[in-house]
Amino acid sequence: MVPSFDLVTIDSPDTERLATFWGRALGLVEVEREDGDRWIVLADVDGRRRIGLQRGEHRPGGIHLDLVCAPGDVAAEVDRLLGLGARLVEPLRTEPYGSIANLADPDGNPFDLCAYR
């Protein structure tokens, strides 16, 4: 099964500031928070995840896509994406929320493949 689009993630040294901005700008509400302000997720009123804010160095183009797949499919999906031309930036690893691999598309644009528990 191919992964589905999950949300757009913005890298920022001040996730609180951006969560407040995007929440007010788009009428989104916080639905998830991890490690204080390291990871914040904003959703619409129907609960659909829309924007993830990830603490990190801001850089031009510091926005990336998060894809999601079933936990049992994550290793095969990493291999499939690599076969399509993606590059592995950080290997598949386990985090408190599940598994994640950091990848880049053929042009070098970053994206993550996540499998939530």
PDB file of N, CA and C in Angstrom:
ATOM      1  N   MET A   1       0.837  -1.179   0.000  1.00  0.00           N
ATOM      2  CA  MET A   1       0.000   0.000   0.000  1.00  0.00           C
ATOM      3  C   MET A   1       0.883   1.244   0.000  1.00  0.00           C
ATOM      4  N   VAL A   2       0.619   2.187  -0.856  1.00  0.00           N
ATOM      5  CA  VAL A   2       1.408   3.419  -0.912  1.00  0.00           C
ATOM      6  C   VAL A   2       1.075   4.327   0.266  1.00  0.00           C
ATOM      7  N   PRO A   3       2.055   5.108   0.730  1.00  0.00           N
ATOM      8  CA  PRO A   3       1.783   6.023   1.835  1.00  0.00           C
ATOM      9  C   PRO A   3       0.837   7.129   1.386  1.00  0.00           C
ATOM     10  N   SER A   4       0.209   7.769   2.342  1.00  0.00           N
ATOM     11  CA  SER A   4      -0.657   8.902   2.032  1.00  0.00           C
ATOM     12  C   SER A   4      -0.047  10.176   2.586  1.00  0.00           C
ATOM     13  N   PHE A   5      -0.508  11.296   2.042  1.00  0.00           N
ATOM     14  CA  PHE A   5      -0.046  12.599   2.506  1.00  0.00           C
ATOM     15  C   PHE A   5      -0.599  12.842   3.902  1.00  0.00           C
ATOM     16  N   ASP A   6       0.251  13.279   4.814  1.00  0.00           N
ATOM     17  CA  ASP A   6      -0.188  13.530   6.181  1.00  0.00           C
ATOM     18  C   ASP A   6      -0.328  15.028   6.427  1.00  0.00           C
ATOM     19  N   LEU A   7       0.761  15.766   6.362  1.00  0.00           N
ATOM     20  CA  LEU A   7       0.706  17.200   6.605  1.00  0.00           C
ATOM     21  C   LEU A   7       1.962  17.887   6.096  1.00  0.00           C
ATOM     22  N   VAL A   8       1.917  19.209   6.075  1.00  0.00           N
ATOM     23  CA  VAL A   8       3.083  20.021   5.739  1.00  0.00           C
ATOM     24  C   VAL A   8       3.770  20.361   7.051  1.00  0.00           C
ATOM     25  N   THR A   9       5.073  20.196   7.097  1.00  0.00           N
ATOM     26  CA  THR A   9       5.836  20.477   8.308  1.00  0.00           C
ATOM     27  C   THR A   9       6.741  21.680   8.065  1.00  0.00           C
ATOM     28  N   ILE A  10       6.731  22.606   9.022  1.00  0.00           N
ATOM     29  CA  ILE A  10       7.566  23.803   8.948  1.00  0.00           C
ATOM     30  C   ILE A  10       8.625  23.698  10.031  1.00  0.00           C
ATOM     31  N   ASP A  11       9.885  23.837   9.641  1.00  0.00           N
ATOM     32  CA  ASP A  11      10.993  23.831  10.589  1.00  0.00           C
ATOM     33  C   ASP A  11      11.193  25.250  11.118  1.00  0.00           C
ATOM     34  N   SER A  12      11.310  25.392  12.434  1.00  0.00           N
ATOM     35  CA  SER A  12      11.452  26.719  13.033  1.00  0.00           C
ATOM     36  C   SER A  12      12.146  26.613  14.382  1.00  0.00           C
ATOM     37  N   PRO A  13      12.979  27.599  14.719  1.00  0.00           N
ATOM     38  CA  PRO A  13      13.563  27.617  16.057  1.00  0.00           C
ATOM     39  C   PRO A  13      12.528  28.035  17.106  1.00  0.00           C
ATOM     40  N   ASP A  14      11.384  28.600  16.691  1.00  0.00           N
ATOM     41  CA  ASP A  14      10.356  29.081  17.616  1.00  0.00           C
ATOM     42  C   ASP A  14       8.996  28.519  17.197  1.00  0.00           C
ATOM     43  N   THR A  15       8.772  27.250  17.513  1.00  0.00           N
ATOM     44  CA  THR A  15       7.530  26.591  17.098  1.00  0.00           C
ATOM     45  C   THR A  15       6.302  27.222  17.756  1.00  0.00           C
ATOM     46  N   GLU A  16       6.444  27.695  18.981  1.00  0.00           N
ATOM     47  CA  GLU A  16       5.319  28.353  19.673  1.00  0.00           C
ATOM     48  C   GLU A  16       4.836  29.566  18.872  1.00  0.00           C
ATOM     49  N   ARG A  17       5.770  30.392  18.440  1.00  0.00           N
ATOM     50  CA  ARG A  17       5.426  31.601  17.691  1.00  0.00           C
ATOM     51  C   ARG A  17       4.714  31.249  16.402  1.00  0.00           C
ATOM     52  N   LEU A  18       5.242  30.263  15.671  1.00  0.00           N
ATOM     53  CA  LEU A  18       4.618  29.895  14.394  1.00  0.00           C
ATOM     54  C   LEU A  18       3.290  29.172  14.601  1.00  0.00           C
ATOM     55  N   ALA A  19       3.172  28.373  15.658  1.00  0.00           N
ATOM     56  CA  ALA A  19       1.894  27.714  15.942  1.00  0.00           C
ATOM     57  C   ALA A  19       0.817  28.762  16.213  1.00  0.00           C
ATOM     58  N   THR A  20       1.166  29.787  16.965  1.00  0.00           N
ATOM     59  CA  THR A  20       0.216  30.871  17.232  1.00  0.00           C
ATOM     60  C   THR A  20      -0.159  31.578  15.938  1.00  0.00           C
ATOM     61  N   PHE A  21       0.843  31.908  15.122  1.00  0.00           N
ATOM     62  CA  PHE A  21       0.576  32.602  13.860  1.00  0.00           C
ATOM     63  C   PHE A  21      -0.333  31.783  12.952  1.00  0.00           C
ATOM     64  N   TRP A  22       0.066  30.529  12.635  1.00  0.00           N
ATOM     65  CA  TRP A  22      -0.696  29.722  11.688  1.00  0.00           C
ATOM     66  C   TRP A  22      -2.054  29.328  12.258  1.00  0.00           C
ATOM     67  N   GLY A  23      -2.124  29.114  13.558  1.00  0.00           N
ATOM     68  CA  GLY A  23      -3.411  28.811  14.176  1.00  0.00           C
ATOM     69  C   GLY A  23      -4.399  29.944  13.984  1.00  0.00           C
ATOM     70  N   ARG A  24      -3.940  31.157  14.250  1.00  0.00           N
ATOM     71  CA  ARG A  24      -4.814  32.327  14.087  1.00  0.00           C
ATOM     72  C   ARG A  24      -5.075  32.641  12.624  1.00  0.00           C
ATOM     73  N   ALA A  25      -4.055  32.505  11.790  1.00  0.00           N
ATOM     74  CA  ALA A  25      -4.202  32.835  10.361  1.00  0.00           C
ATOM     75  C   ALA A  25      -5.193  31.916   9.663  1.00  0.00           C
ATOM     76  N   LEU A  26      -5.202  30.638  10.043  1.00  0.00           N
ATOM     77  CA  LEU A  26      -6.022  29.652   9.331  1.00  0.00           C
ATOM     78  C   LEU A  26      -7.142  29.057  10.179  1.00  0.00           C
ATOM     79  N   GLY A  27      -7.316  29.546  11.403  1.00  0.00           N
ATOM     80  CA  GLY A  27      -8.364  29.017  12.266  1.00  0.00           C
ATOM     81  C   GLY A  27      -8.109  27.585  12.695  1.00  0.00           C
ATOM     82  N   LEU A  28      -6.840  27.239  12.892  1.00  0.00           N
ATOM     83  CA  LEU A  28      -6.454  25.883  13.285  1.00  0.00           C
ATOM     84  C   LEU A  28      -6.279  25.807  14.795  1.00  0.00           C
ATOM     85  N   VAL A  29      -6.389  24.598  15.335  1.00  0.00           N
ATOM     86  CA  VAL A  29      -6.207  24.383  16.770  1.00  0.00           C
ATOM     87  C   VAL A  29      -5.130  23.332  17.002  1.00  0.00           C
ATOM     88  N   GLU A  30      -4.453  23.454  18.121  1.00  0.00           N
ATOM     89  CA  GLU A  30      -3.415  22.478  18.478  1.00  0.00           C
ATOM     90  C   GLU A  30      -4.065  21.151  18.862  1.00  0.00           C
ATOM     91  N   VAL A  31      -3.567  20.067  18.272  1.00  0.00           N
ATOM     92  CA  VAL A  31      -4.093  18.740  18.588  1.00  0.00           C
ATOM     93  C   VAL A  31      -3.014  17.778  19.069  1.00  0.00           C
ATOM     94  N   GLU A  32      -1.766  18.189  18.974  1.00  0.00           N
ATOM     95  CA  GLU A  32      -0.673  17.295  19.375  1.00  0.00           C
ATOM     96  C   GLU A  32       0.529  18.130  19.763  1.00  0.00           C
ATOM     97  N   ARG A  33       1.264  17.647  20.788  1.00  0.00           N
ATOM     98  CA  ARG A  33       2.482  18.326  21.234  1.00  0.00           C
ATOM     99  C   ARG A  33       3.402  17.266  21.791  1.00  0.00           C
ATOM    100  N   GLU A  34       4.697  17.382  21.476  1.00  0.00           N
ATOM    101  CA  GLU A  34       5.682  16.412  21.952  1.00  0.00           C
ATOM    102  C   GLU A  34       6.918  17.154  22.435  1.00  0.00           C
ATOM    103  N   ASP A  35       7.487  16.696  23.538  1.00  0.00           N
ATOM    104  CA  ASP A  35       8.726  17.262  24.084  1.00  0.00           C
ATOM    105  C   ASP A  35       8.651  18.778  24.225  1.00  0.00           C
ATOM    106  N   GLY A  36       7.658  19.258  24.947  1.00  0.00           N
ATOM    107  CA  GLY A  36       7.506  20.698  25.138  1.00  0.00           C
ATOM    108  C   GLY A  36       7.059  21.365  23.859  1.00  0.00           C
ATOM    109  N   ASP A  37       8.000  21.979  23.163  1.00  0.00           N
ATOM    110  CA  ASP A  37       7.656  22.664  21.907  1.00  0.00           C
ATOM    111  C   ASP A  37       8.435  22.101  20.721  1.00  0.00           C
ATOM    112  N   ARG A  38       8.982  20.881  20.848  1.00  0.00           N
ATOM    113  CA  ARG A  38       9.757  20.310  19.740  1.00  0.00           C
ATOM    114  C   ARG A  38       8.876  19.967  18.554  1.00  0.00           C
ATOM    115  N   TRP A  39       7.643  19.571  18.811  1.00  0.00           N
ATOM    116  CA  TRP A  39       6.736  19.134  17.744  1.00  0.00           C
ATOM    117  C   TRP A  39       5.326  19.547  18.129  1.00  0.00           C
ATOM    118  N   ILE A  40       4.684  20.356  17.291  1.00  0.00           N
ATOM    119  CA  ILE A  40       3.312  20.808  17.517  1.00  0.00           C
ATOM    120  C   ILE A  40       2.529  20.553  16.232  1.00  0.00           C
ATOM    121  N   VAL A  41       1.329  20.008  16.366  1.00  0.00           N
ATOM    122  CA  VAL A  41       0.477  19.765  15.201  1.00  0.00           C
ATOM    123  C   VAL A  41      -0.794  20.589  15.336  1.00  0.00           C
ATOM    124  N   LEU A  42      -1.149  21.269  14.253  1.00  0.00           N
ATOM    125  CA  LEU A  42      -2.381  22.046  14.185  1.00  0.00           C
ATOM    126  C   LEU A  42      -3.353  21.351  13.248  1.00  0.00           C
ATOM    127  N   ALA A  43      -4.624  21.363  13.630  1.00  0.00           N
ATOM    128  CA  ALA A  43      -5.668  20.713  12.830  1.00  0.00           C
ATOM    129  C   ALA A  43      -6.814  21.690  12.596  1.00  0.00           C
ATOM    130  N   ASP A  44      -7.646  21.363  11.595  1.00  0.00           N
ATOM    131  CA  ASP A  44      -8.837  22.168  11.353  1.00  0.00           C
ATOM    132  C   ASP A  44      -9.932  21.768  12.338  1.00  0.00           C
ATOM    133  N   VAL A  45     -11.085  22.417  12.260  1.00  0.00           N
ATOM    134  CA  VAL A  45     -12.155  22.159  13.224  1.00  0.00           C
ATOM    135  C   VAL A  45     -12.699  20.733  13.125  1.00  0.00           C
ATOM    136  N   ASP A  46     -12.472  20.066  11.996  1.00  0.00           N
ATOM    137  CA  ASP A  46     -12.903  18.676  11.842  1.00  0.00           C
ATOM    138  C   ASP A  46     -11.859  17.690  12.346  1.00  0.00           C
ATOM    139  N   GLY A  47     -10.740  18.198  12.872  1.00  0.00           N
ATOM    140  CA  GLY A  47      -9.705  17.334  13.415  1.00  0.00           C
ATOM    141  C   GLY A  47      -8.683  16.841  12.414  1.00  0.00           C
ATOM    142  N   ARG A  48      -8.754  17.316  11.160  1.00  0.00           N
ATOM    143  CA  ARG A  48      -7.768  16.900  10.150  1.00  0.00           C
ATOM    144  C   ARG A  48      -6.468  17.657  10.378  1.00  0.00           C
ATOM    145  N   ARG A  49      -5.391  16.884  10.517  1.00  0.00           N
ATOM    146  CA  ARG A  49      -4.061  17.466  10.703  1.00  0.00           C
ATOM    147  C   ARG A  49      -3.677  18.252   9.454  1.00  0.00           C
ATOM    148  N   ARG A  50      -3.219  19.489   9.648  1.00  0.00           N
ATOM    149  CA  ARG A  50      -2.882  20.342   8.516  1.00  0.00           C
ATOM    150  C   ARG A  50      -1.422  20.793   8.515  1.00  0.00           C
ATOM    151  N   ILE A  51      -0.934  21.265   9.662  1.00  0.00           N
ATOM    152  CA  ILE A  51       0.424  21.806   9.735  1.00  0.00           C
ATOM    153  C   ILE A  51       1.142  21.226  10.942  1.00  0.00           C
ATOM    154  N   GLY A  52       2.388  20.767  10.726  1.00  0.00           N
ATOM    155  CA  GLY A  52       3.255  20.353  11.808  1.00  0.00           C
ATOM    156  C   GLY A  52       4.363  21.378  11.956  1.00  0.00           C
ATOM    157  N   LEU A  53       4.678  21.735  13.170  1.00  0.00           N
ATOM    158  CA  LEU A  53       5.764  22.673  13.447  1.00  0.00           C
ATOM    159  C   LEU A  53       6.831  21.905  14.203  1.00  0.00           C
ATOM    160  N   GLN A  54       8.013  21.862  13.625  1.00  0.00           N
ATOM    161  CA  GLN A  54       9.113  21.066  14.169  1.00  0.00           C
ATOM    162  C   GLN A  54      10.257  21.990  14.536  1.00  0.00           C
ATOM    163  N   ARG A  55      10.693  21.905  15.800  1.00  0.00           N
ATOM    164  CA  ARG A  55      11.798  22.760  16.225  1.00  0.00           C
ATOM    165  C   ARG A  55      13.061  22.360  15.479  1.00  0.00           C
ATOM    166  N   GLY A  56      13.674  23.336  14.863  1.00  0.00           N
ATOM    167  CA  GLY A  56      14.899  23.117  14.117  1.00  0.00           C
ATOM    168  C   GLY A  56      15.348  24.411  13.490  1.00  0.00           C
ATOM    169  N   GLU A  57      16.485  24.365  12.904  1.00  0.00           N
ATOM    170  CA  GLU A  57      17.052  25.551  12.263  1.00  0.00           C
ATOM    171  C   GLU A  57      16.191  25.975  11.081  1.00  0.00           C
ATOM    172  N   HIS A  58      15.824  27.246  11.066  1.00  0.00           N
ATOM    173  CA  HIS A  58      15.091  27.765   9.910  1.00  0.00           C
ATOM    174  C   HIS A  58      16.075  27.962   8.764  1.00  0.00           C
ATOM    175  N   ARG A  59      15.651  27.572   7.587  1.00  0.00           N
ATOM    176  CA  ARG A  59      16.462  27.761   6.394  1.00  0.00           C
ATOM    177  C   ARG A  59      15.497  27.986   5.238  1.00  0.00           C
ATOM    178  N   PRO A  60      15.928  28.660   4.200  1.00  0.00           N
ATOM    179  CA  PRO A  60      15.035  28.816   3.049  1.00  0.00           C
ATOM    180  C   PRO A  60      14.556  27.448   2.582  1.00  0.00           C
ATOM    181  N   GLY A  61      13.279  27.345   2.329  1.00  0.00           N
ATOM    182  CA  GLY A  61      12.716  26.059   1.932  1.00  0.00           C
ATOM    183  C   GLY A  61      12.560  25.122   3.106  1.00  0.00           C
ATOM    184  N   GLY A  62      12.505  25.639   4.330  1.00  0.00           N
ATOM    185  CA  GLY A  62      12.417  24.815   5.529  1.00  0.00           C
ATOM    186  C   GLY A  62      11.033  24.218   5.749  1.00  0.00           C
ATOM    187  N   ILE A  63      10.363  23.883   4.672  1.00  0.00           N
ATOM    188  CA  ILE A  63       9.063  23.231   4.733  1.00  0.00           C
ATOM    189  C   ILE A  63       9.207  21.888   4.041  1.00  0.00           C
ATOM    190  N   HIS A  64       8.635  20.846   4.635  1.00  0.00           N
ATOM    191  CA  HIS A  64       8.704  19.542   3.994  1.00  0.00           C
ATOM    192  C   HIS A  64       7.398  18.781   4.188  1.00  0.00           C
ATOM    193  N   LEU A  65       7.168  17.803   3.354  1.00  0.00           N
ATOM    194  CA  LEU A  65       5.977  16.971   3.443  1.00  0.00           C
ATOM    195  C   LEU A  65       6.216  15.822   4.405  1.00  0.00           C
ATOM    196  N   ASP A  66       5.168  15.436   5.107  1.00  0.00           N
ATOM    197  CA  ASP A  66       5.175  14.217   5.903  1.00  0.00           C
ATOM    198  C   ASP A  66       4.226  13.241   5.229  1.00  0.00           C
ATOM    199  N   LEU A  67       4.725  12.059   4.930  1.00  0.00           N
ATOM    200  CA  LEU A  67       3.901  10.977   4.403  1.00  0.00           C
ATOM    201  C   LEU A  67       3.694   9.982   5.524  1.00  0.00           C
ATOM    202  N   VAL A  68       2.588   9.249   5.477  1.00  0.00           N
ATOM    203  CA  VAL A  68       2.297   8.289   6.531  1.00  0.00           C
ATOM    204  C   VAL A  68       1.916   6.953   5.908  1.00  0.00           C
ATOM    205  N   CYS A  69       2.355   5.880   6.568  1.00  0.00           N
ATOM    206  CA  CYS A  69       1.994   4.529   6.136  1.00  0.00           C
ATOM    207  C   CYS A  69       1.769   3.676   7.378  1.00  0.00           C
ATOM    208  N   ALA A  70       1.273   2.477   7.170  1.00  0.00           N
ATOM    209  CA  ALA A  70       1.040   1.552   8.281  1.00  0.00           C
ATOM    210  C   ALA A  70       2.377   1.109   8.873  1.00  0.00           C
ATOM    211  N   PRO A  71       2.433   0.885  10.186  1.00  0.00           N
ATOM    212  CA  PRO A  71       3.690   0.467  10.818  1.00  0.00           C
ATOM    213  C   PRO A  71       4.328  -0.757  10.164  1.00  0.00           C
ATOM    214  N   GLY A  72       3.549  -1.705   9.738  1.00  0.00           N
ATOM    215  CA  GLY A  72       4.104  -2.905   9.119  1.00  0.00           C
ATOM    216  C   GLY A  72       4.632  -2.703   7.712  1.00  0.00           C
ATOM    217  N   ASP A  73       4.333  -1.543   7.120  1.00  0.00           N
ATOM    218  CA  ASP A  73       4.746  -1.257   5.744  1.00  0.00           C
ATOM    219  C   ASP A  73       5.953  -0.338   5.635  1.00  0.00           C
ATOM    220  N   VAL A  74       6.400   0.228   6.750  1.00  0.00           N
ATOM    221  CA  VAL A  74       7.370   1.323   6.678  1.00  0.00           C
ATOM    222  C   VAL A  74       8.697   0.909   6.021  1.00  0.00           C
ATOM    223  N   ALA A  75       9.255  -0.215   6.367  1.00  0.00           N
ATOM    224  CA  ALA A  75      10.546  -0.624   5.771  1.00  0.00           C
ATOM    225  C   ALA A  75      10.402  -0.852   4.268  1.00  0.00           C
ATOM    226  N   ALA A  76       9.322  -1.509   3.866  1.00  0.00           N
ATOM    227  CA  ALA A  76       9.090  -1.750   2.433  1.00  0.00           C
ATOM    228  C   ALA A  76       8.851  -0.441   1.692  1.00  0.00           C
ATOM    229  N   GLU A  77       8.173   0.505   2.341  1.00  0.00           N
ATOM    230  CA  GLU A  77       7.915   1.797   1.695  1.00  0.00           C
ATOM    231  C   GLU A  77       9.199   2.602   1.526  1.00  0.00           C
ATOM    232  N   VAL A  78      10.078   2.541   2.525  1.00  0.00           N
ATOM    233  CA  VAL A  78      11.376   3.208   2.378  1.00  0.00           C
ATOM    234  C   VAL A  78      12.097   2.632   1.165  1.00  0.00           C
ATOM    235  N   ASP A  79      12.137   1.320   1.060  1.00  0.00           N
ATOM    236  CA  ASP A  79      12.795   0.677  -0.086  1.00  0.00           C
ATOM    237  C   ASP A  79      12.135   1.069  -1.406  1.00  0.00           C
ATOM    238  N   ARG A  80      10.808   1.123  -1.428  1.00  0.00           N
ATOM    239  CA  ARG A  80      10.097   1.478  -2.653  1.00  0.00           C
ATOM    240  C   ARG A  80      10.413   2.912  -3.069  1.00  0.00           C
ATOM    241  N   LEU A  81      10.416   3.830  -2.095  1.00  0.00           N
ATOM    242  CA  LEU A  81      10.714   5.232  -2.399  1.00  0.00           C
ATOM    243  C   LEU A  81      12.151   5.404  -2.871  1.00  0.00           C
ATOM    244  N   LEU A  82      13.070   4.656  -2.262  1.00  0.00           N
ATOM    245  CA  LEU A  82      14.460   4.697  -2.726  1.00  0.00           C
ATOM    246  C   LEU A  82      14.546   4.202  -4.170  1.00  0.00           C
ATOM    247  N   GLY A  83      13.778   3.171  -4.498  1.00  0.00           N
ATOM    248  CA  GLY A  83      13.752   2.648  -5.856  1.00  0.00           C
ATOM    249  C   GLY A  83      13.188   3.635  -6.861  1.00  0.00           C
ATOM    250  N   LEU A  84      12.360   4.572  -6.384  1.00  0.00           N
ATOM    251  CA  LEU A  84      11.798   5.603  -7.263  1.00  0.00           C
ATOM    252  C   LEU A  84      12.741   6.789  -7.443  1.00  0.00           C
ATOM    253  N   GLY A  85      13.843   6.791  -6.704  1.00  0.00           N
ATOM    254  CA  GLY A  85      14.810   7.876  -6.848  1.00  0.00           C
ATOM    255  C   GLY A  85      15.009   8.729  -5.617  1.00  0.00           C
ATOM    256  N   ALA A  86      14.311   8.424  -4.523  1.00  0.00           N
ATOM    257  CA  ALA A  86      14.523   9.167  -3.282  1.00  0.00           C
ATOM    258  C   ALA A  86      15.905   8.835  -2.725  1.00  0.00           C
ATOM    259  N   ARG A  87      16.382   9.705  -1.846  1.00  0.00           N
ATOM    260  CA  ARG A  87      17.663   9.492  -1.165  1.00  0.00           C
ATOM    261  C   ARG A  87      17.388   9.478   0.333  1.00  0.00           C
ATOM    262  N   LEU A  88      18.023   8.554   1.036  1.00  0.00           N
ATOM    263  CA  LEU A  88      17.878   8.464   2.484  1.00  0.00           C
ATOM    264  C   LEU A  88      18.775   9.506   3.141  1.00  0.00           C
ATOM    265  N   VAL A  89      18.179  10.419   3.894  1.00  0.00           N
ATOM    266  CA  VAL A  89      18.927  11.468   4.586  1.00  0.00           C
ATOM    267  C   VAL A  89      19.306  10.995   5.987  1.00  0.00           C
ATOM    268  N   GLU A  90      18.345  10.413   6.692  1.00  0.00           N
ATOM    269  CA  GLU A  90      18.562   9.811   8.015  1.00  0.00           C
ATOM    270  C   GLU A  90      17.873   8.450   7.992  1.00  0.00           C
ATOM    271  N   PRO A  91      18.522   7.416   8.485  1.00  0.00           N
ATOM    272  CA  PRO A  91      17.932   6.077   8.413  1.00  0.00           C
ATOM    273  C   PRO A  91      16.652   5.948   9.243  1.00  0.00           C
ATOM    274  N   LEU A  92      15.901   4.934   8.915  1.00  0.00           N
ATOM    275  CA  LEU A  92      14.676   4.608   9.646  1.00  0.00           C
ATOM    276  C   LEU A  92      15.011   4.434  11.116  1.00  0.00           C
ATOM    277  N   ARG A  93      14.225   5.075  11.974  1.00  0.00           N
ATOM    278  CA  ARG A  93      14.478   4.991  13.411  1.00  0.00           C
ATOM    279  C   ARG A  93      13.150   4.977  14.159  1.00  0.00           C
ATOM    280  N   THR A  94      13.205   4.592  15.416  1.00  0.00           N
ATOM    281  CA  THR A  94      12.031   4.551  16.268  1.00  0.00           C
ATOM    282  C   THR A  94      12.026   5.762  17.180  1.00  0.00           C
ATOM    283  N   GLU A  95      10.888   6.410  17.257  1.00  0.00           N
ATOM    284  CA  GLU A  95      10.657   7.557  18.141  1.00  0.00           C
ATOM    285  C   GLU A  95       9.476   7.202  19.043  1.00  0.00           C
ATOM    286  N   PRO A  96       9.178   8.015  20.054  1.00  0.00           N
ATOM    287  CA  PRO A  96       8.056   7.699  20.941  1.00  0.00           C
ATOM    288  C   PRO A  96       6.717   7.519  20.209  1.00  0.00           C
ATOM    289  N   TYR A  97       6.514   8.211  19.120  1.00  0.00           N
ATOM    290  CA  TYR A  97       5.242   8.146  18.384  1.00  0.00           C
ATOM    291  C   TYR A  97       5.197   7.022  17.354  1.00  0.00           C
ATOM    292  N   GLY A  98       6.337   6.428  17.016  1.00  0.00           N
ATOM    293  CA  GLY A  98       6.377   5.382  16.005  1.00  0.00           C
ATOM    294  C   GLY A  98       7.711   5.382  15.281  1.00  0.00           C
ATOM    295  N   SER A  99       7.676   5.152  13.971  1.00  0.00           N
ATOM    296  CA  SER A  99       8.896   5.100  13.160  1.00  0.00           C
ATOM    297  C   SER A  99       8.926   6.269  12.194  1.00  0.00           C
ATOM    298  N   ILE A 100      10.148   6.687  11.824  1.00  0.00           N
ATOM    299  CA  ILE A 100      10.317   7.775  10.867  1.00  0.00           C
ATOM    300  C   ILE A 100      11.608   7.568  10.089  1.00  0.00           C
ATOM    301  N   ALA A 101      11.551   7.890   8.810  1.00  0.00           N
ATOM    302  CA  ALA A 101      12.749   7.944   7.967  1.00  0.00           C
ATOM    303  C   ALA A 101      12.745   9.309   7.307  1.00  0.00           C
ATOM    304  N   ASN A 102      13.888   9.972   7.291  1.00  0.00           N
ATOM    305  CA  ASN A 102      14.037  11.263   6.622  1.00  0.00           C
ATOM    306  C   ASN A 102      14.622  11.007   5.250  1.00  0.00           C
ATOM    307  N   LEU A 103      13.935  11.482   4.220  1.00  0.00           N
ATOM    308  CA  LEU A 103      14.336  11.244   2.841  1.00  0.00           C
ATOM    309  C   LEU A 103      14.375  12.561   2.076  1.00  0.00           C
ATOM    310  N   ALA A 104      14.861  12.488   0.849  1.00  0.00           N
ATOM    311  CA  ALA A 104      14.824  13.627  -0.071  1.00  0.00           C
ATOM    312  C   ALA A 104      14.407  13.100  -1.432  1.00  0.00           C
ATOM    313  N   ASP A 105      13.638  13.926  -2.154  1.00  0.00           N
ATOM    314  CA  ASP A 105      13.228  13.527  -3.502  1.00  0.00           C
ATOM    315  C   ASP A 105      14.405  13.681  -4.460  1.00  0.00           C
ATOM    316  N   PRO A 106      14.249  13.316  -5.727  1.00  0.00           N
ATOM    317  CA  PRO A 106      15.379  13.391  -6.656  1.00  0.00           C
ATOM    318  C   PRO A 106      15.998  14.780  -6.801  1.00  0.00           C
ATOM    319  N   ASP A 107      15.231  15.855  -6.515  1.00  0.00           N
ATOM    320  CA  ASP A 107      15.783  17.210  -6.570  1.00  0.00           C
ATOM    321  C   ASP A 107      16.380  17.656  -5.247  1.00  0.00           C
ATOM    322  N   GLY A 108      16.308  16.800  -4.223  1.00  0.00           N
ATOM    323  CA  GLY A 108      16.870  17.141  -2.927  1.00  0.00           C
ATOM    324  C   GLY A 108      15.880  17.737  -1.941  1.00  0.00           C
ATOM    325  N   ASN A 109      14.590  17.819  -2.311  1.00  0.00           N
ATOM    326  CA  ASN A 109      13.586  18.351  -1.392  1.00  0.00           C
ATOM    327  C   ASN A 109      13.296  17.332  -0.296  1.00  0.00           C
ATOM    328  N   PRO A 110      13.375  17.755   0.971  1.00  0.00           N
ATOM    329  CA  PRO A 110      13.210  16.815   2.069  1.00  0.00           C
ATOM    330  C   PRO A 110      11.750  16.400   2.262  1.00  0.00           C
ATOM    331  N   PHE A 111      11.552  15.166   2.711  1.00  0.00           N
ATOM    332  CA  PHE A 111      10.253  14.686   3.162  1.00  0.00           C
ATOM    333  C   PHE A 111      10.488  13.565   4.158  1.00  0.00           C
ATOM    334  N   ASP A 112       9.480  13.309   4.976  1.00  0.00           N
ATOM    335  CA  ASP A 112       9.570  12.255   5.986  1.00  0.00           C
ATOM    336  C   ASP A 112       8.526  11.188   5.690  1.00  0.00           C
ATOM    337  N   LEU A 113       8.876   9.959   6.001  1.00  0.00           N
ATOM    338  CA  LEU A 113       7.938   8.852   5.967  1.00  0.00           C
ATOM    339  C   LEU A 113       7.733   8.420   7.411  1.00  0.00           C
ATOM    340  N   CYS A 114       6.496   8.513   7.896  1.00  0.00           N
ATOM    341  CA  CYS A 114       6.172   8.216   9.278  1.00  0.00           C
ATOM    342  C   CYS A 114       5.217   7.030   9.373  1.00  0.00           C
ATOM    343  N   ALA A 115       5.354   6.260  10.415  1.00  0.00           N
ATOM    344  CA  ALA A 115       4.421   5.190  10.734  1.00  0.00           C
ATOM    345  C   ALA A 115       4.090   5.340  12.214  1.00  0.00           C
ATOM    346  N   TYR A 116       2.889   5.824  12.497  1.00  0.00           N
ATOM    347  CA  TYR A 116       2.485   6.086  13.872  1.00  0.00           C
ATOM    348  C   TYR A 116       1.968   4.833  14.541  1.00  0.00           C
ATOM    349  N   ARG A 117       2.187   4.751  15.840  1.00  0.00           N
ATOM    350  CA  ARG A 117       1.686   3.616  16.623  1.00  0.00           C
ATOM    351  C   ARG A 117       0.217   3.784  16.871  1.00  0.00           C
TER     352      ARG A 117
END
